Each structure stands twice: as C-alpha cells, then as structure tokens.
Amino acid sequence: MKIENANGKTVRNITGEDLHQEIAALNEENNFLILSDGDDYIQCAVSGSGFIVEYQDSTGHYSSDDALSSDAIEKLFKAYLSRSTEWRGMAGWAKGSGPAGANESVVSPEKGDSFADTLKKDLSPGKILDSVKRQVSREISRGVSRKTSGTVGRMIRKFFK
C-alpha cells in the first residue's frame, strides 16, 4: 500500500508509524491523505468539524456520514492498512458516485439535511459562511481524488479559501 498527502509526498510500503506521522501532519495546508491499494483507496480531508472520509472499492464510492476525529481516522486507516474488514464498521457510509462521477446529490454537513436546509436554519452571516466553507471543503475533497496531482489540489484549495 502507499499513502499520498496534499503536499505531493508519496510513501510506498507504508507502516503503522508512517501512517501515524502522516495523520499527525494534517492541517489547513496539508489537508488530505489518501491510502491506496491498487485501484481501491480510503481518503480523508480536513474539515472544520474534523475529517471527512471516503473510500472506493469494486462496489463503488462511499462517503462517511459524519466528520471523524483524528483518533478515529488513525484507527480507521490502520485497520484498512492491515486489510482487516473491521474498518467498514468504524463509520457510517453513504454510497455516492465518487470524485469523477455525476448524479451525486449535495450532502450537507448535517446528516439528512440538504445544503439549502442548513442555510435556512440560521441565516446569520457567520453561520452561512461556515456552512459554505464546509460544503466547499467536502466537494473539493470529492473532486481531489488520488489521481489528482498535489499541485492541482493545492491550487483548487487556495482558490476556495
């Protein structure tokens, strides 16, 4: 397996310690991490409320229902690295079309609500801006897949900051 981060760093034959260091290094600039095994992968992106997680395998592309903590991300990625199946139960997953696909509906940061519903709940400028940032972050993480170069990903993220 290999891991790639937003800075373009790639580590092949990754160990649990490598994984720990890469997760600890995630921040606003180095804001996504992809652990891949051939065409299958799991990825996370920094979000205002934690980390958004997605994975892809032969059955499709899935997104976590909720944002996860860095501790939860580390446990999830380590289970994936060990090829254990228990990682699938460490988060709730919603099937989507993935980074390159169409037909994926906009998902609100709040489970079950549309993006418009989230905005209607509280129209204060600060809350609207926070909601937009979370949504853009989620959409960018979907658009910045493991096949997108680190340079392009950084450029996209800087554009939306």
C-alpha atoms as a PDB file:
ATOM      1  CA  MET A   1       0.000   0.000   0.000  1.00  0.00           C
ATOM      2  CA  LYS A   2       1.021   3.605  -0.420  1.00  0.00           C
ATOM      3  CA  ILE A   3      -0.026   6.904   1.077  1.00  0.00           C
ATOM      4  CA  GLU A   4      -0.176  10.306  -0.600  1.00  0.00           C
ATOM      5  CA  ASN A   5      -0.714  13.694   1.016  1.00  0.00           C
ATOM      6  CA  ALA A   6      -1.737  17.138  -0.230  1.00  0.00           C
ATOM      7  CA  ASN A   7       1.885  18.256  -0.410  1.00  0.00           C
ATOM      8  CA  GLY A   8       2.555  15.625  -3.064  1.00  0.00           C
ATOM      9  CA  LYS A   9       4.534  13.329  -0.756  1.00  0.00           C
ATOM     10  CA  THR A  10       4.098   9.612  -1.507  1.00  0.00           C
ATOM     11  CA  VAL A  11       5.256   6.787   0.778  1.00  0.00           C
ATOM     12  CA  ARG A  12       5.161   3.238  -0.571  1.00  0.00           C
ATOM     13  CA  ASN A  13       5.067   0.136   1.635  1.00  0.00           C
ATOM     14  CA  ILE A  14       3.707   2.274   4.443  1.00  0.00           C
ATOM     15  CA  THR A  15       3.968   1.175   8.060  1.00  0.00           C
ATOM     16  CA  GLY A  16       1.726   1.980  11.006  1.00  0.00           C
ATOM     17  CA  GLU A  17       4.309   4.516  12.233  1.00  0.00           C
ATOM     18  CA  ASP A  18       4.408   6.218   8.805  1.00  0.00           C
ATOM     19  CA  LEU A  19       0.625   6.394   8.906  1.00  0.00           C
ATOM     20  CA  HIS A  20       0.643   7.893  12.406  1.00  0.00           C
ATOM     21  CA  GLN A  21       3.117  10.609  11.317  1.00  0.00           C
ATOM     22  CA  GLU A  22       1.139  11.472   8.172  1.00  0.00           C
ATOM     23  CA  ILE A  23      -2.148  11.795  10.071  1.00  0.00           C
ATOM     24  CA  ALA A  24      -0.470  13.932  12.755  1.00  0.00           C
ATOM     25  CA  ALA A  25       0.870  16.231   9.993  1.00  0.00           C
ATOM     26  CA  LEU A  26      -2.600  17.009   8.560  1.00  0.00           C
ATOM     27  CA  ASN A  27      -3.522  20.695   8.779  1.00  0.00           C
ATOM     28  CA  GLU A  28      -5.074  23.511   6.704  1.00  0.00           C
ATOM     29  CA  GLU A  29      -2.248  23.399   4.120  1.00  0.00           C
ATOM     30  CA  ASN A  30      -1.575  19.653   4.081  1.00  0.00           C
ATOM     31  CA  ASN A  31      -5.271  18.863   4.210  1.00  0.00           C
ATOM     32  CA  PHE A  32      -5.854  15.464   2.671  1.00  0.00           C
ATOM     33  CA  LEU A  33      -4.423  11.984   2.845  1.00  0.00           C
ATOM     34  CA  ILE A  34      -5.018   9.001   0.555  1.00  0.00           C
ATOM     35  CA  LEU A  35      -4.154   5.409   1.450  1.00  0.00           C
ATOM     36  CA  SER A  36      -4.375   3.260  -1.659  1.00  0.00           C
ATOM     37  CA  ASP A  37      -4.141  -0.397  -2.521  1.00  0.00           C
ATOM     38  CA  GLY A  38      -4.225  -0.694  -6.305  1.00  0.00           C
ATOM     39  CA  ASP A  39      -7.489   0.837  -7.519  1.00  0.00           C
ATOM     40  CA  ASP A  40      -9.049   0.741  -4.036  1.00  0.00           C
ATOM     41  CA  TYR A  41      -8.414   3.552  -1.580  1.00  0.00           C
ATOM     42  CA  ILE A  42      -9.528   5.374   1.529  1.00  0.00           C
ATOM     43  CA  GLN A  43      -9.013   9.121   1.854  1.00  0.00           C
ATOM     44  CA  CYS A  44      -9.666  11.853   4.372  1.00  0.00           C
ATOM     45  CA  ALA A  45      -9.761  15.635   4.161  1.00  0.00           C
ATOM     46  CA  VAL A  46      -9.544  18.261   6.880  1.00  0.00           C
ATOM     47  CA  SER A  47     -12.923  19.815   7.602  1.00  0.00           C
ATOM     48  CA  GLY A  48     -13.992  22.464  10.091  1.00  0.00           C
ATOM     49  CA  SER A  49     -15.620  19.782  12.235  1.00  0.00           C
ATOM     50  CA  GLY A  50     -12.959  17.068  11.957  1.00  0.00           C
ATOM     51  CA  PHE A  51     -12.209  14.906   8.938  1.00  0.00           C
ATOM     52  CA  ILE A  52     -14.372  13.879   6.022  1.00  0.00           C
ATOM     53  CA  VAL A  53     -13.625  10.310   4.930  1.00  0.00           C
ATOM     54  CA  GLU A  54     -14.306   8.499   1.671  1.00  0.00           C
ATOM     55  CA  TYR A  55     -13.365   5.162   0.235  1.00  0.00           C
ATOM     56  CA  GLN A  56     -13.647   3.419  -3.095  1.00  0.00           C
ATOM     57  CA  ASP A  57     -13.600  -0.256  -3.903  1.00  0.00           C
ATOM     58  CA  SER A  58     -15.070  -2.516  -6.570  1.00  0.00           C
ATOM     59  CA  THR A  59     -18.605  -1.859  -5.253  1.00  0.00           C
ATOM     60  CA  GLY A  60     -18.438   1.932  -5.631  1.00  0.00           C
ATOM     61  CA  HIS A  61     -17.539   5.160  -3.891  1.00  0.00           C
ATOM     62  CA  TYR A  62     -18.675   5.888  -0.314  1.00  0.00           C
ATOM     63  CA  SER A  63     -18.552   8.921   1.998  1.00  0.00           C
ATOM     64  CA  SER A  64     -18.695   8.965   5.771  1.00  0.00           C
ATOM     65  CA  ASP A  65     -21.999  10.113   7.213  1.00  0.00           C
ATOM     66  CA  ASP A  66     -20.267  12.309   9.790  1.00  0.00           C
ATOM     67  CA  ALA A  67     -16.936  14.040  10.284  1.00  0.00           C
ATOM     68  CA  LEU A  68     -14.460  11.982  12.323  1.00  0.00           C
ATOM     69  CA  SER A  69     -11.748  12.894  14.836  1.00  0.00           C
ATOM     70  CA  SER A  70      -8.044  12.398  14.131  1.00  0.00           C
ATOM     71  CA  ASP A  71      -8.011   9.461  16.581  1.00  0.00           C
ATOM     72  CA  ALA A  72     -10.890   7.817  14.712  1.00  0.00           C
ATOM     73  CA  ILE A  73      -9.112   8.468  11.391  1.00  0.00           C
ATOM     74  CA  GLU A  74      -5.943   6.820  12.652  1.00  0.00           C
ATOM     75  CA  LYS A  75      -7.816   3.723  13.855  1.00  0.00           C
ATOM     76  CA  LEU A  76      -9.767   3.526  10.593  1.00  0.00           C
ATOM     77  CA  PHE A  77      -6.689   3.921   8.379  1.00  0.00           C
ATOM     78  CA  LYS A  78      -4.648   1.441  10.442  1.00  0.00           C
ATOM     79  CA  ALA A  79      -7.438  -1.147  10.145  1.00  0.00           C
ATOM     80  CA  TYR A  80      -7.549  -0.516   6.373  1.00  0.00           C
ATOM     81  CA  LEU A  81      -3.748  -0.823   6.214  1.00  0.00           C
ATOM     82  CA  SER A  82      -3.889  -4.189   7.993  1.00  0.00           C
ATOM     83  CA  ARG A  83      -6.530  -5.309   5.445  1.00  0.00           C
ATOM     84  CA  SER A  84      -8.940  -6.002   8.280  1.00  0.00           C
ATOM     85  CA  THR A  85     -12.622  -5.671   7.418  1.00  0.00           C
ATOM     86  CA  GLU A  86     -13.441  -4.017  10.765  1.00  0.00           C
ATOM     87  CA  TRP A  87     -12.728  -0.520   9.350  1.00  0.00           C
ATOM     88  CA  ARG A  88     -16.060  -0.638   7.481  1.00  0.00           C
ATOM     89  CA  GLY A  89     -17.907  -0.625  10.813  1.00  0.00           C
ATOM     90  CA  MET A  90     -15.936   2.310  12.249  1.00  0.00           C
ATOM     91  CA  ALA A  91     -18.082   4.903  10.427  1.00  0.00           C
ATOM     92  CA  GLY A  92     -21.459   5.200   8.769  1.00  0.00           C
ATOM     93  CA  TRP A  93     -21.190   5.218   4.968  1.00  0.00           C
ATOM     94  CA  ALA A  94     -23.359   6.655   2.213  1.00  0.00           C
ATOM     95  CA  LYS A  95     -22.880   5.430  -1.339  1.00  0.00           C
ATOM     96  CA  GLY A  96     -22.089   8.118  -3.901  1.00  0.00           C
ATOM     97  CA  SER A  97     -20.765   8.381  -7.402  1.00  0.00           C
ATOM     98  CA  GLY A  98     -17.263   9.408  -6.414  1.00  0.00           C
ATOM     99  CA  PRO A  99     -14.909  12.139  -7.479  1.00  0.00           C
ATOM    100  CA  ALA A 100     -15.257  11.672 -11.215  1.00  0.00           C
ATOM    101  CA  GLY A 101     -18.945  10.830 -11.324  1.00  0.00           C
ATOM    102  CA  ALA A 102     -22.147  12.717 -11.773  1.00  0.00           C
ATOM    103  CA  ASN A 103     -25.506  12.245 -10.091  1.00  0.00           C
ATOM    104  CA  GLU A 104     -24.236  12.678  -6.527  1.00  0.00           C
ATOM    105  CA  SER A 105     -26.561  14.924  -4.621  1.00  0.00           C
ATOM    106  CA  VAL A 106     -25.198  17.731  -2.499  1.00  0.00           C
ATOM    107  CA  VAL A 107     -24.701  16.475   1.037  1.00  0.00           C
ATOM    108  CA  SER A 108     -24.991  18.840   3.939  1.00  0.00           C
ATOM    109  CA  PRO A 109     -22.521  18.783   6.801  1.00  0.00           C
ATOM    110  CA  GLU A 110     -25.534  17.942   8.939  1.00  0.00           C
ATOM    111  CA  LYS A 111     -26.806  14.428   8.310  1.00  0.00           C
ATOM    112  CA  GLY A 112     -30.106  14.269   6.446  1.00  0.00           C
ATOM    113  CA  ASP A 113     -30.380  17.948   5.502  1.00  0.00           C
ATOM    114  CA  SER A 114     -29.863  19.475   2.097  1.00  0.00           C
ATOM    115  CA  PHE A 115     -27.373  22.318   1.828  1.00  0.00           C
ATOM    116  CA  ALA A 116     -30.285  24.771   1.395  1.00  0.00           C
ATOM    117  CA  ASP A 117     -31.984  23.409   4.543  1.00  0.00           C
ATOM    118  CA  THR A 118     -28.791  24.024   6.505  1.00  0.00           C
ATOM    119  CA  LEU A 119     -28.666  27.631   5.329  1.00  0.00           C
ATOM    120  CA  LYS A 120     -32.339  28.208   6.153  1.00  0.00           C
ATOM    121  CA  LYS A 121     -31.861  27.113   9.774  1.00  0.00           C
ATOM    122  CA  ASP A 122     -29.708  30.099  10.646  1.00  0.00           C
ATOM    123  CA  LEU A 123     -29.123  32.908   8.187  1.00  0.00           C
ATOM    124  CA  SER A 124     -26.523  34.761  10.247  1.00  0.00           C
ATOM    125  CA  PRO A 125     -23.537  35.717   8.043  1.00  0.00           C
ATOM    126  CA  GLY A 126     -21.063  33.776  10.170  1.00  0.00           C
ATOM    127  CA  LYS A 127     -23.099  30.576  10.087  1.00  0.00           C
ATOM    128  CA  ILE A 128     -23.730  30.887   6.351  1.00  0.00           C
ATOM    129  CA  LEU A 129     -20.010  31.355   5.693  1.00  0.00           C
ATOM    130  CA  ASP A 130     -19.142  28.361   7.896  1.00  0.00           C
ATOM    131  CA  SER A 131     -21.727  26.208   6.074  1.00  0.00           C
ATOM    132  CA  VAL A 132     -20.412  27.274   2.677  1.00  0.00           C
ATOM    133  CA  LYS A 133     -16.813  26.551   3.741  1.00  0.00           C
ATOM    134  CA  ARG A 134     -17.767  23.069   4.982  1.00  0.00           C
ATOM    135  CA  GLN A 135     -19.680  22.316   1.792  1.00  0.00           C
ATOM    136  CA  VAL A 136     -16.879  23.572  -0.459  1.00  0.00           C
ATOM    137  CA  SER A 137     -14.371  21.557   1.560  1.00  0.00           C
ATOM    138  CA  ARG A 138     -16.484  18.421   1.141  1.00  0.00           C
ATOM    139  CA  GLU A 139     -16.950  18.997  -2.592  1.00  0.00           C
ATOM    140  CA  ILE A 140     -13.245  19.717  -3.079  1.00  0.00           C
ATOM    141  CA  SER A 141     -12.325  16.536  -1.229  1.00  0.00           C
ATOM    142  CA  ARG A 142     -14.549  14.635  -3.649  1.00  0.00           C
ATOM    143  CA  GLY A 143     -13.001  16.410  -6.622  1.00  0.00           C
ATOM    144  CA  VAL A 144      -9.438  15.951  -5.414  1.00  0.00           C
ATOM    145  CA  SER A 145      -9.068  12.230  -5.797  1.00  0.00           C
ATOM    146  CA  ARG A 146      -5.996  10.081  -5.600  1.00  0.00           C
ATOM    147  CA  LYS A 147      -5.492  10.661  -9.324  1.00  0.00           C
ATOM    148  CA  THR A 148      -5.260  14.439  -8.912  1.00  0.00           C
ATOM    149  CA  SER A 149      -1.768  15.810  -8.501  1.00  0.00           C
ATOM    150  CA  GLY A 150      -0.786  17.613  -5.318  1.00  0.00           C
ATOM    151  CA  THR A 151      -0.136  20.833  -7.243  1.00  0.00           C
ATOM    152  CA  VAL A 152      -3.607  20.889  -8.786  1.00  0.00           C
ATOM    153  CA  GLY A 153      -5.196  20.037  -5.440  1.00  0.00           C
ATOM    154  CA  ARG A 154      -3.359  22.863  -3.657  1.00  0.00           C
ATOM    155  CA  MET A 155      -4.340  25.302  -6.388  1.00  0.00           C
ATOM    156  CA  ILE A 156      -8.018  24.335  -6.103  1.00  0.00           C
ATOM    157  CA  ARG A 157      -7.976  24.631  -2.307  1.00  0.00           C
ATOM    158  CA  LYS A 158      -6.247  28.050  -2.371  1.00  0.00           C
ATOM    159  CA  PHE A 159      -8.839  29.310  -4.841  1.00  0.00           C
ATOM    160  CA  PHE A 160     -11.683  28.481  -2.438  1.00  0.00           C
ATOM    161  CA  LYS A 161     -10.042  29.855   0.748  1.00  0.00           C
END
